[in-house]
């Protein structure tokens, strides 16, 4: 039951010609050696000039704004978008790399936590989806938890440090058509795998925030592992325990346990109600794209989730 409780608390230039071509009559200065009289230039040699407006002036002599090159603007915008996308990709890769060895946040040092928070802050500033709840198709699907700072999940994560018990996956599945959320934890042991999950309904409260109300908890029936392999030794409380002398006994126990697990596996999952005033929470999505989701919960806790099947999960 403590596991279920932890799961509950788990963005043109124109040229103009004058109407009549002006005839320009040249007047010559008085030639000193001749009498002072005007000399008329024959009509056939009168010069005719075409008056051309300035490229950037209209017919009234007003300066016009040069036309904008739309193609150049589009190229500049595309270059900027490409640069932004490359920066986001680099930040996401650095963020996921920083999770290495932290056991989803459980074993992260204070220095690593500070580095992770800095990378998350930079990503949130570049969020390509400022209104996540208006992009429900992006929210839709299964998201796998990669990192959290929520201390309420640490006891659950620490169970994976017990001998022969491993937390395989913590995930959240969102159905945007039916407005449902399922939080799930999968455990594996020497003989079988099992899961604990909670089912909830959510309501959109703002462009970034959803309110979650949990309705039921589900304990999955154990599923027998086809191939059972026991390690030669296990580590417990800092000590390595050699299992070789106990293999005969363990094999006998395995056979008995397998029979029990097979009979249990045929039973339906155990469901129980969570309808109470305390079974509510809210979630603020601060970054969202097709690969990565960053959410903040009660008390400022951080959740970083990766879309199922995304290559980032293999980083």
C-alpha atoms as a PDB file:
ATOM      1  CA  UNK A   1       0.000   0.000   0.000  1.00  0.00           C
ATOM      2  CA  UNK A   2       2.943   2.366   0.612  1.00  0.00           C
ATOM      3  CA  UNK A   3       3.878   1.940  -3.056  1.00  0.00           C
ATOM      4  CA  UNK A   4       0.456   3.138  -4.176  1.00  0.00           C
ATOM      5  CA  UNK A   5       0.716   6.139  -1.852  1.00  0.00           C
ATOM      6  CA  UNK A   6       4.053   7.055  -3.428  1.00  0.00           C
ATOM      7  CA  UNK A   7       2.590   6.787  -6.921  1.00  0.00           C
ATOM      8  CA  UNK A   8      -0.199   9.185  -5.993  1.00  0.00           C
ATOM      9  CA  UNK A   9       2.302  11.941  -5.339  1.00  0.00           C
ATOM     10  CA  UNK A  10       4.260  11.091  -8.386  1.00  0.00           C
ATOM     11  CA  UNK A  11       4.192  25.094 -23.055  1.00  0.00           C
ATOM     12  CA  UNK A  12       8.509  48.367 -57.087  1.00  0.00           C
ATOM     13  CA  UNK A  13      10.753  50.493 -58.125  1.00  0.00           C
ATOM     14  CA  UNK A  14       9.284  52.484 -61.003  1.00  0.00           C
ATOM     15  CA  UNK A  15      10.758  54.917 -63.543  1.00  0.00           C
ATOM     16  CA  UNK A  16       8.510  57.752 -64.772  1.00  0.00           C
ATOM     17  CA  UNK A  17       8.772  59.856 -67.951  1.00  0.00           C
ATOM     18  CA  UNK A  18       7.422  63.410 -68.038  1.00  0.00           C
ATOM     19  CA  UNK A  19       4.179  63.917 -69.934  1.00  0.00           C
ATOM     20  CA  UNK A  20       5.925  66.087 -72.559  1.00  0.00           C
ATOM     21  CA  UNK A  21       9.588  65.847 -73.209  1.00  0.00           C
ATOM     22  CA  UNK A  22      11.035  69.208 -72.195  1.00  0.00           C
ATOM     23  CA  UNK A  23      12.992  71.030 -74.844  1.00  0.00           C
ATOM     24  CA  UNK A  24      16.063  72.542 -73.288  1.00  0.00           C
ATOM     25  CA  UNK A  25      17.340  75.643 -75.096  1.00  0.00           C
ATOM     26  CA  UNK A  26      20.989  76.302 -74.509  1.00  0.00           C
ATOM     27  CA  UNK A  27      22.191  79.833 -74.222  1.00  0.00           C
ATOM     28  CA  UNK A  28      25.769  80.434 -75.165  1.00  0.00           C
ATOM     29  CA  UNK A  29      27.905  83.076 -73.632  1.00  0.00           C
ATOM     30  CA  UNK A  30      28.816  86.098 -75.777  1.00  0.00           C
ATOM     31  CA  UNK A  31      31.869  85.317 -77.815  1.00  0.00           C
ATOM     32  CA  UNK A  32      34.383  88.070 -77.157  1.00  0.00           C
ATOM     33  CA  UNK A  33      35.451  88.404 -80.811  1.00  0.00           C
ATOM     34  CA  UNK A  34      31.895  88.745 -82.072  1.00  0.00           C
ATOM     35  CA  UNK A  35      29.243  91.339 -81.513  1.00  0.00           C
ATOM     36  CA  UNK A  36      27.291  91.008 -78.368  1.00  0.00           C
ATOM     37  CA  UNK A  37      24.193  89.246 -79.594  1.00  0.00           C
ATOM     38  CA  UNK A  38      22.363  86.095 -78.814  1.00  0.00           C
ATOM     39  CA  UNK A  39      23.076  83.066 -80.935  1.00  0.00           C
ATOM     40  CA  UNK A  40      20.169  80.642 -81.299  1.00  0.00           C
ATOM     41  CA  UNK A  41      20.924  76.958 -81.464  1.00  0.00           C
ATOM     42  CA  UNK A  42      19.149  75.335 -84.435  1.00  0.00           C
ATOM     43  CA  UNK A  43      16.136  73.300 -83.476  1.00  0.00           C
ATOM     44  CA  UNK A  44      17.522  70.160 -85.054  1.00  0.00           C
ATOM     45  CA  UNK A  45      20.369  70.107 -82.586  1.00  0.00           C
ATOM     46  CA  UNK A  46      18.370  70.947 -79.516  1.00  0.00           C
ATOM     47  CA  UNK A  47      18.955  68.346 -76.849  1.00  0.00           C
ATOM     48  CA  UNK A  48      16.072  66.317 -75.538  1.00  0.00           C
ATOM     49  CA  UNK A  49      16.411  64.807 -72.115  1.00  0.00           C
ATOM     50  CA  UNK A  50      14.326  62.154 -70.396  1.00  0.00           C
ATOM     51  CA  UNK A  51      13.713  63.090 -66.803  1.00  0.00           C
ATOM     52  CA  UNK A  52      14.037  59.934 -64.638  1.00  0.00           C
ATOM     53  CA  UNK A  53      12.785  59.854 -61.089  1.00  0.00           C
ATOM     54  CA  UNK A  54      15.084  58.632 -58.377  1.00  0.00           C
ATOM     55  CA  UNK A  55      14.642  54.940 -57.653  1.00  0.00           C
ATOM     56  CA  UNK A  56      13.525  55.731 -54.151  1.00  0.00           C
ATOM     57  CA  UNK A  57      11.422  58.867 -54.767  1.00  0.00           C
ATOM     58  CA  UNK A  58       7.826  59.080 -55.935  1.00  0.00           C
ATOM     59  CA  UNK A  59       6.344  61.624 -58.376  1.00  0.00           C
ATOM     60  CA  UNK A  60       6.125  64.185 -55.590  1.00  0.00           C
ATOM     61  CA  UNK A  61       9.775  63.814 -54.688  1.00  0.00           C
ATOM     62  CA  UNK A  62       9.035  61.972 -51.478  1.00  0.00           C
ATOM     63  CA  UNK A  63      11.520  59.329 -50.428  1.00  0.00           C
ATOM     64  CA  UNK A  64      10.151  55.792 -50.524  1.00  0.00           C
ATOM     65  CA  UNK A  65      11.135  52.880 -48.303  1.00  0.00           C
ATOM     66  CA  UNK A  66      13.182  50.303 -50.257  1.00  0.00           C
ATOM     67  CA  UNK A  67      11.308  47.033 -50.787  1.00  0.00           C
ATOM     68  CA  UNK A  68      12.017  44.183 -48.340  1.00  0.00           C
ATOM     69  CA  UNK A  69      13.562  41.011 -49.728  1.00  0.00           C
ATOM     70  CA  UNK A  70      11.070  38.390 -48.471  1.00  0.00           C
ATOM     71  CA  UNK A  71      13.284  35.533 -49.556  1.00  0.00           C
ATOM     72  CA  UNK A  72      16.216  36.765 -47.503  1.00  0.00           C
ATOM     73  CA  UNK A  73      14.008  37.169 -44.436  1.00  0.00           C
ATOM     74  CA  UNK A  74      12.651  33.634 -44.804  1.00  0.00           C
ATOM     75  CA  UNK A  75      16.164  32.218 -45.090  1.00  0.00           C
ATOM     76  CA  UNK A  76      17.290  34.129 -42.002  1.00  0.00           C
ATOM     77  CA  UNK A  77      14.300  32.853 -40.009  1.00  0.00           C
ATOM     78  CA  UNK A  78      14.935  29.278 -41.153  1.00  0.00           C
ATOM     79  CA  UNK A  79      18.584  29.550 -40.110  1.00  0.00           C
ATOM     80  CA  UNK A  80      17.537  30.814 -36.697  1.00  0.00           C
ATOM     81  CA  UNK A  81      15.056  27.957 -36.242  1.00  0.00           C
ATOM     82  CA  UNK A  82      17.698  25.420 -37.253  1.00  0.00           C
ATOM     83  CA  UNK A  83      20.144  26.900 -34.758  1.00  0.00           C
ATOM     84  CA  UNK A  84      17.506  26.820 -32.006  1.00  0.00           C
ATOM     85  CA  UNK A  85      16.627  23.193 -32.753  1.00  0.00           C
ATOM     86  CA  UNK A  86      20.301  22.215 -32.639  1.00  0.00           C
ATOM     87  CA  UNK A  87      20.719  23.913 -29.251  1.00  0.00           C
ATOM     88  CA  UNK A  88      17.668  22.094 -27.858  1.00  0.00           C
ATOM     89  CA  UNK A  89      18.925  18.741 -29.132  1.00  0.00           C
ATOM     90  CA  UNK A  90      22.308  19.369 -27.520  1.00  0.00           C
ATOM     91  CA  UNK A  91      20.718  20.345 -24.201  1.00  0.00           C
ATOM     92  CA  UNK A  92      18.487  17.265 -24.159  1.00  0.00           C
ATOM     93  CA  UNK A  93      21.442  14.989 -24.831  1.00  0.00           C
ATOM     94  CA  UNK A  94      23.480  16.654 -22.063  1.00  0.00           C
ATOM     95  CA  UNK A  95      20.540  16.353 -19.653  1.00  0.00           C
ATOM     96  CA  UNK A  96      20.008  12.648 -20.284  1.00  0.00           C
ATOM     97  CA  UNK A  97      23.763  12.010 -20.033  1.00  0.00           C
ATOM     98  CA  UNK A  98      23.787  13.676 -16.618  1.00  0.00           C
ATOM     99  CA  UNK A  99      21.334  11.024 -15.332  1.00  0.00           C
ATOM    100  CA  UNK A 100      23.943   8.280 -15.699  1.00  0.00           C
ATOM    101  CA  UNK A 101      24.560   6.486 -12.432  1.00  0.00           C
ATOM    102  CA  UNK A 102      21.868   8.378 -10.501  1.00  0.00           C
ATOM    103  CA  UNK A 103      19.302   5.540 -10.388  1.00  0.00           C
ATOM    104  CA  UNK A 104      16.550   7.920 -11.588  1.00  0.00           C
ATOM    105  CA  UNK A 105      17.700  10.516  -9.036  1.00  0.00           C
ATOM    106  CA  UNK A 106      18.020   8.333  -5.959  1.00  0.00           C
ATOM    107  CA  UNK A 107      21.835   8.248  -6.024  1.00  0.00           C
ATOM    108  CA  UNK A 108      22.467  11.729  -7.474  1.00  0.00           C
ATOM    109  CA  UNK A 109      25.036  13.867  -5.631  1.00  0.00           C
ATOM    110  CA  UNK A 110      24.359  17.516  -4.802  1.00  0.00           C
ATOM    111  CA  UNK A 111      26.729  18.591  -7.625  1.00  0.00           C
ATOM    112  CA  UNK A 112      24.916  16.393 -10.127  1.00  0.00           C
ATOM    113  CA  UNK A 113      21.534  17.685  -8.966  1.00  0.00           C
ATOM    114  CA  UNK A 114      22.724  21.281  -9.463  1.00  0.00           C
ATOM    115  CA  UNK A 115      23.953  20.452 -12.979  1.00  0.00           C
ATOM    116  CA  UNK A 116      20.633  18.790 -13.814  1.00  0.00           C
ATOM    117  CA  UNK A 117      18.597  21.743 -12.527  1.00  0.00           C
ATOM    118  CA  UNK A 118      20.705  24.151 -14.636  1.00  0.00           C
ATOM    119  CA  UNK A 119      20.125  22.100 -17.800  1.00  0.00           C
ATOM    120  CA  UNK A 120      16.404  21.810 -17.043  1.00  0.00           C
ATOM    121  CA  UNK A 121      16.146  25.596 -16.563  1.00  0.00           C
ATOM    122  CA  UNK A 122      17.811  26.188 -19.950  1.00  0.00           C
ATOM    123  CA  UNK A 123      15.442  23.767 -21.656  1.00  0.00           C
ATOM    124  CA  UNK A 124      12.386  25.305 -20.017  1.00  0.00           C
ATOM    125  CA  UNK A 125      13.453  28.705 -21.427  1.00  0.00           C
ATOM    126  CA  UNK A 126      13.407  27.174 -24.929  1.00  0.00           C
ATOM    127  CA  UNK A 127      10.150  25.238 -24.513  1.00  0.00           C
ATOM    128  CA  UNK A 128       8.698  24.739 -28.039  1.00  0.00           C
ATOM    129  CA  UNK A 129       5.243  24.050 -26.571  1.00  0.00           C
ATOM    130  CA  UNK A 130       4.330  27.004 -24.312  1.00  0.00           C
ATOM    131  CA  UNK A 131       0.766  25.693 -23.799  1.00  0.00           C
ATOM    132  CA  UNK A 132       1.106  21.907 -23.314  1.00  0.00           C
ATOM    133  CA  UNK A 133      -2.515  21.319 -22.338  1.00  0.00           C
ATOM    134  CA  UNK A 134      -3.532  22.777 -25.719  1.00  0.00           C
ATOM    135  CA  UNK A 135      -1.321  20.170 -27.428  1.00  0.00           C
ATOM    136  CA  UNK A 136      -2.801  17.016 -25.926  1.00  0.00           C
ATOM    137  CA  UNK A 137      -1.674  14.892 -28.861  1.00  0.00           C
ATOM    138  CA  UNK A 138       1.921  15.511 -27.757  1.00  0.00           C
ATOM    139  CA  UNK A 139       1.065  14.580 -24.174  1.00  0.00           C
ATOM    140  CA  UNK A 140      -0.629  11.415 -25.332  1.00  0.00           C
ATOM    141  CA  UNK A 141       1.125   8.078 -24.879  1.00  0.00           C
ATOM    142  CA  UNK A 142       3.495   6.300 -22.526  1.00  0.00           C
ATOM    143  CA  UNK A 143       6.266   8.259 -20.816  1.00  0.00           C
ATOM    144  CA  UNK A 144       9.116   6.557 -18.952  1.00  0.00           C
ATOM    145  CA  UNK A 145      10.573   8.223 -15.857  1.00  0.00           C
ATOM    146  CA  UNK A 146      14.279   9.020 -16.316  1.00  0.00           C
ATOM    147  CA  UNK A 147      14.858  11.299 -13.320  1.00  0.00           C
ATOM    148  CA  UNK A 148      13.026  12.776 -10.349  1.00  0.00           C
ATOM    149  CA  UNK A 149      13.800  14.898  -7.324  1.00  0.00           C
ATOM    150  CA  UNK A 150      10.581  13.801  -5.589  1.00  0.00           C
ATOM    151  CA  UNK A 151      11.717  12.262  -2.308  1.00  0.00           C
ATOM    152  CA  UNK A 152       8.402  10.423  -1.987  1.00  0.00           C
ATOM    153  CA  UNK A 153       9.564   8.075  -4.743  1.00  0.00           C
ATOM    154  CA  UNK A 154      12.968   7.364  -3.201  1.00  0.00           C
ATOM    155  CA  UNK A 155      11.746   4.568  -0.902  1.00  0.00           C
ATOM    156  CA  UNK A 156      10.224   2.918  -3.946  1.00  0.00           C
ATOM    157  CA  UNK A 157      13.438   3.289  -5.949  1.00  0.00           C
ATOM    158  CA  UNK A 158      15.494   1.952  -3.057  1.00  0.00           C
ATOM    159  CA  UNK A 159      13.598  -1.322  -3.220  1.00  0.00           C
ATOM    160  CA  UNK A 160      15.527  -1.983  -6.391  1.00  0.00           C
ATOM    161  CA  UNK A 161      18.675  -2.217  -4.288  1.00  0.00           C
ATOM    162  CA  UNK A 162      17.374  -5.282  -2.439  1.00  0.00           C
ATOM    163  CA  UNK A 163      18.857  -8.658  -3.398  1.00  0.00           C
ATOM    164  CA  UNK A 164      17.207 -10.270  -6.439  1.00  0.00           C
ATOM    165  CA  UNK A 165      14.633  -7.449  -6.710  1.00  0.00           C
ATOM    166  CA  UNK A 166      14.824  -4.808  -9.449  1.00  0.00           C
ATOM    167  CA  UNK A 167      12.685  -1.816 -10.359  1.00  0.00           C
ATOM    168  CA  UNK A 168      12.445  -2.350 -14.099  1.00  0.00           C
ATOM    169  CA  UNK A 169      10.432   0.714 -15.078  1.00  0.00           C
ATOM    170  CA  UNK A 170       8.400   3.607 -13.718  1.00  0.00           C
ATOM    171  CA  UNK A 171       6.052   5.073 -16.288  1.00  0.00           C
ATOM    172  CA  UNK A 172       3.059   7.321 -16.852  1.00  0.00           C
ATOM    173  CA  UNK A 173       0.544   6.662 -19.624  1.00  0.00           C
ATOM    174  CA  UNK A 174      -1.719   9.524 -20.708  1.00  0.00           C
ATOM    175  CA  UNK A 175      -4.916   9.005 -22.709  1.00  0.00           C
ATOM    176  CA  UNK A 176      -5.860  12.503 -23.911  1.00  0.00           C
ATOM    177  CA  UNK A 177      -9.131  11.351 -25.482  1.00  0.00           C
ATOM    178  CA  UNK A 178     -10.521   9.950 -22.245  1.00  0.00           C
ATOM    179  CA  UNK A 179      -8.555  12.273 -19.931  1.00  0.00           C
ATOM    180  CA  UNK A 180      -7.028   9.420 -17.946  1.00  0.00           C
ATOM    181  CA  UNK A 181      -3.589   8.869 -16.426  1.00  0.00           C
ATOM    182  CA  UNK A 182      -1.986   5.627 -15.316  1.00  0.00           C
ATOM    183  CA  UNK A 183       1.123   5.609 -13.140  1.00  0.00           C
ATOM    184  CA  UNK A 184       2.880   2.258 -13.103  1.00  0.00           C
ATOM    185  CA  UNK A 185       5.903   0.573 -11.500  1.00  0.00           C
ATOM    186  CA  UNK A 186       7.239  -2.746 -12.767  1.00  0.00           C
ATOM    187  CA  UNK A 187       9.292  -5.023 -10.512  1.00  0.00           C
ATOM    188  CA  UNK A 188      11.206  -8.145 -11.442  1.00  0.00           C
ATOM    189  CA  UNK A 189      12.529 -10.969  -9.293  1.00  0.00           C
ATOM    190  CA  UNK A 190      14.171 -14.361  -9.862  1.00  0.00           C
ATOM    191  CA  UNK A 191      10.883 -16.069 -10.703  1.00  0.00           C
ATOM    192  CA  UNK A 192       8.397 -13.495 -11.919  1.00  0.00           C
ATOM    193  CA  UNK A 193       7.585  -9.892 -12.709  1.00  0.00           C
ATOM    194  CA  UNK A 194       4.752  -7.862 -11.248  1.00  0.00           C
ATOM    195  CA  UNK A 195       3.473  -4.307 -11.243  1.00  0.00           C
ATOM    196  CA  UNK A 196       1.723  -1.729  -9.108  1.00  0.00           C
ATOM    197  CA  UNK A 197      -0.292   1.037 -10.718  1.00  0.00           C
ATOM    198  CA  UNK A 198      -2.796   3.776 -10.037  1.00  0.00           C
ATOM    199  CA  UNK A 199      -5.527   4.978 -12.387  1.00  0.00           C
ATOM    200  CA  UNK A 200      -6.697   8.581 -12.386  1.00  0.00           C
ATOM    201  CA  UNK A 201      -8.734  11.199 -14.225  1.00  0.00           C
ATOM    202  CA  UNK A 202      -7.297  14.617 -15.086  1.00  0.00           C
ATOM    203  CA  UNK A 203      -8.784  18.049 -15.751  1.00  0.00           C
ATOM    204  CA  UNK A 204      -7.131  20.941 -17.610  1.00  0.00           C
ATOM    205  CA  UNK A 205      -6.847  23.919 -15.280  1.00  0.00           C
ATOM    206  CA  UNK A 206      -4.480  26.211 -17.246  1.00  0.00           C
ATOM    207  CA  UNK A 207      -2.310  26.137 -20.404  1.00  0.00           C
ATOM    208  CA  UNK A 208       0.344  24.271 -18.396  1.00  0.00           C
ATOM    209  CA  UNK A 209      -1.407  22.698 -15.441  1.00  0.00           C
ATOM    210  CA  UNK A 210      -3.637  19.679 -14.981  1.00  0.00           C
ATOM    211  CA  UNK A 211      -5.427  18.510 -11.853  1.00  0.00           C
ATOM    212  CA  UNK A 212      -5.252  14.778 -11.211  1.00  0.00           C
ATOM    213  CA  UNK A 213      -7.742  12.780  -9.161  1.00  0.00           C
ATOM    214  CA  UNK A 214      -6.826   9.165  -8.426  1.00  0.00           C
ATOM    215  CA  UNK A 215      -9.632   6.631  -8.534  1.00  0.00           C
ATOM    216  CA  UNK A 216      -8.162   3.159  -8.022  1.00  0.00           C
ATOM    217  CA  UNK A 217      -5.030   1.190  -7.336  1.00  0.00           C
ATOM    218  CA  UNK A 218      -4.104  -2.031  -9.115  1.00  0.00           C
ATOM    219  CA  UNK A 219      -1.747  -4.800  -8.017  1.00  0.00           C
ATOM    220  CA  UNK A 220      -0.849  -6.818 -11.092  1.00  0.00           C
ATOM    221  CA  UNK A 221      -0.696 -10.585 -10.932  1.00  0.00           C
ATOM    222  CA  UNK A 222       2.852 -12.013 -11.110  1.00  0.00           C
ATOM    223  CA  UNK A 223       3.992 -13.171 -14.536  1.00  0.00           C
ATOM    224  CA  UNK A 224       6.342 -16.132 -14.570  1.00  0.00           C
ATOM    225  CA  UNK A 225       9.728 -15.511 -16.171  1.00  0.00           C
ATOM    226  CA  UNK A 226      10.363 -18.016 -18.964  1.00  0.00           C
ATOM    227  CA  UNK A 227      14.081 -18.384 -18.354  1.00  0.00           C
ATOM    228  CA  UNK A 228      15.200 -18.270 -14.749  1.00  0.00           C
ATOM    229  CA  UNK A 229      18.865 -17.567 -14.149  1.00  0.00           C
ATOM    230  CA  UNK A 230      20.247 -17.003 -10.679  1.00  0.00           C
ATOM    231  CA  UNK A 231      23.475 -15.060 -10.216  1.00  0.00           C
ATOM    232  CA  UNK A 232      26.480 -16.727  -8.634  1.00  0.00           C
ATOM    233  CA  UNK A 233      26.485 -14.124  -5.882  1.00  0.00           C
ATOM    234  CA  UNK A 234      24.457 -11.198  -4.614  1.00  0.00           C
ATOM    235  CA  UNK A 235      25.434  -8.073  -2.720  1.00  0.00           C
ATOM    236  CA  UNK A 236      23.583  -7.324   0.489  1.00  0.00           C
ATOM    237  CA  UNK A 237      24.471  -4.583   2.997  1.00  0.00           C
ATOM    238  CA  UNK A 238      27.824  -4.127   1.325  1.00  0.00           C
ATOM    239  CA  UNK A 239      28.718  -7.826   1.490  1.00  0.00           C
ATOM    240  CA  UNK A 240      28.862 -10.308  -1.377  1.00  0.00           C
ATOM    241  CA  UNK A 241      27.050 -13.573  -0.683  1.00  0.00           C
ATOM    242  CA  UNK A 242      28.112 -16.633  -2.689  1.00  0.00           C
ATOM    243  CA  UNK A 243      25.049 -18.588  -3.825  1.00  0.00           C
ATOM    244  CA  UNK A 244      26.924 -21.575  -5.296  1.00  0.00           C
ATOM    245  CA  UNK A 245      26.565 -23.845  -2.222  1.00  0.00           C
ATOM    246  CA  UNK A 246      22.825 -23.160  -2.166  1.00  0.00           C
ATOM    247  CA  UNK A 247      22.049 -23.882  -5.827  1.00  0.00           C
ATOM    248  CA  UNK A 248      20.580 -27.310  -5.142  1.00  0.00           C
ATOM    249  CA  UNK A 249      18.286 -25.952  -2.478  1.00  0.00           C
ATOM    250  CA  UNK A 250      17.416 -22.922  -4.562  1.00  0.00           C
ATOM    251  CA  UNK A 251      16.492 -25.100  -7.553  1.00  0.00           C
ATOM    252  CA  UNK A 252      14.086 -27.067  -5.388  1.00  0.00           C
ATOM    253  CA  UNK A 253      12.537 -23.874  -4.058  1.00  0.00           C
ATOM    254  CA  UNK A 254      12.280 -22.526  -7.612  1.00  0.00           C
ATOM    255  CA  UNK A 255      10.271 -25.510  -8.761  1.00  0.00           C
ATOM    256  CA  UNK A 256       7.826 -25.127  -5.905  1.00  0.00           C
ATOM    257  CA  UNK A 257       7.597 -21.365  -6.329  1.00  0.00           C
ATOM    258  CA  UNK A 258       7.036 -21.710 -10.085  1.00  0.00           C
ATOM    259  CA  UNK A 259       3.989 -23.860  -9.458  1.00  0.00           C
ATOM    260  CA  UNK A 260       2.605 -21.268  -7.063  1.00  0.00           C
ATOM    261  CA  UNK A 261       3.316 -18.400  -9.449  1.00  0.00           C
ATOM    262  CA  UNK A 262       1.612 -20.231 -12.325  1.00  0.00           C
ATOM    263  CA  UNK A 263      -1.553 -20.638 -10.306  1.00  0.00           C
ATOM    264  CA  UNK A 264      -1.506 -16.987  -9.194  1.00  0.00           C
ATOM    265  CA  UNK A 265      -0.821 -15.717 -12.735  1.00  0.00           C
ATOM    266  CA  UNK A 266      -4.160 -17.005 -13.870  1.00  0.00           C
ATOM    267  CA  UNK A 267      -5.963 -14.751 -11.395  1.00  0.00           C
ATOM    268  CA  UNK A 268      -7.192 -11.230 -12.317  1.00  0.00           C
ATOM    269  CA  UNK A 269      -5.358  -8.162 -10.943  1.00  0.00           C
ATOM    270  CA  UNK A 270      -6.319  -6.949  -7.497  1.00  0.00           C
ATOM    271  CA  UNK A 271      -8.069  -3.570  -7.624  1.00  0.00           C
ATOM    272  CA  UNK A 272      -9.035  -1.253  -4.781  1.00  0.00           C
ATOM    273  CA  UNK A 273     -10.607   2.197  -4.550  1.00  0.00           C
ATOM    274  CA  UNK A 274      -8.617   5.385  -3.911  1.00  0.00           C
ATOM    275  CA  UNK A 275     -11.626   7.704  -3.846  1.00  0.00           C
ATOM    276  CA  UNK A 276     -10.770  10.184  -1.101  1.00  0.00           C
ATOM    277  CA  UNK A 277      -9.993  13.870  -0.717  1.00  0.00           C
ATOM    278  CA  UNK A 278      -6.285  13.066  -0.290  1.00  0.00           C
ATOM    279  CA  UNK A 279      -6.070  11.165  -3.588  1.00  0.00           C
ATOM    280  CA  UNK A 280      -5.551  14.345  -5.650  1.00  0.00           C
ATOM    281  CA  UNK A 281      -2.517  16.048  -7.082  1.00  0.00           C
ATOM    282  CA  UNK A 282      -1.558  18.509  -9.807  1.00  0.00           C
ATOM    283  CA  UNK A 283       1.124  18.581 -12.435  1.00  0.00           C
ATOM    284  CA  UNK A 284       2.729  21.541 -14.220  1.00  0.00           C
ATOM    285  CA  UNK A 285       4.338  20.746 -17.581  1.00  0.00           C
ATOM    286  CA  UNK A 286       7.220  23.166 -18.164  1.00  0.00           C
ATOM    287  CA  UNK A 287       8.759  21.548 -21.252  1.00  0.00           C
ATOM    288  CA  UNK A 288       7.212  19.338 -23.928  1.00  0.00           C
ATOM    289  CA  UNK A 289       8.164  18.017 -27.337  1.00  0.00           C
ATOM    290  CA  UNK A 290       7.866  14.665 -29.077  1.00  0.00           C
ATOM    291  CA  UNK A 291      10.825  13.217 -27.168  1.00  0.00           C
ATOM    292  CA  UNK A 292      10.989  14.745 -23.711  1.00  0.00           C
ATOM    293  CA  UNK A 293       8.668  16.026 -21.022  1.00  0.00           C
ATOM    294  CA  UNK A 294       9.573  17.988 -17.902  1.00  0.00           C
ATOM    295  CA  UNK A 295       6.977  18.437 -15.179  1.00  0.00           C
ATOM    296  CA  UNK A 296       6.938  20.009 -11.754  1.00  0.00           C
ATOM    297  CA  UNK A 297       4.731  18.759  -8.980  1.00  0.00           C
ATOM    298  CA  UNK A 298       3.799  19.665  -5.436  1.00  0.00           C
ATOM    299  CA  UNK A 299       6.647  21.273  -3.515  1.00  0.00           C
ATOM    300  CA  UNK A 300       8.645  22.028  -6.667  1.00  0.00           C
ATOM    301  CA  UNK A 301       9.624  18.419  -7.286  1.00  0.00           C
ATOM    302  CA  UNK A 302      10.907  17.682 -10.778  1.00  0.00           C
ATOM    303  CA  UNK A 303      10.004  14.797 -13.091  1.00  0.00           C
ATOM    304  CA  UNK A 304      11.841  14.188 -16.377  1.00  0.00           C
ATOM    305  CA  UNK A 305      10.161  11.635 -18.648  1.00  0.00           C
ATOM    306  CA  UNK A 306      11.105  10.271 -22.078  1.00  0.00           C
ATOM    307  CA  UNK A 307       8.613   8.999 -24.664  1.00  0.00           C
ATOM    308  CA  UNK A 308       8.557   5.222 -24.913  1.00  0.00           C
ATOM    309  CA  UNK A 309      10.689   3.927 -27.781  1.00  0.00           C
ATOM    310  CA  UNK A 310      12.719   7.135 -28.094  1.00  0.00           C
ATOM    311  CA  UNK A 311      16.503   6.748 -28.636  1.00  0.00           C
ATOM    312  CA  UNK A 312      17.114   8.999 -25.612  1.00  0.00           C
ATOM    313  CA  UNK A 313      16.126   6.060 -23.414  1.00  0.00           C
ATOM    314  CA  UNK A 314      19.154   4.179 -24.696  1.00  0.00           C
ATOM    315  CA  UNK A 315      21.582   7.016 -23.911  1.00  0.00           C
END
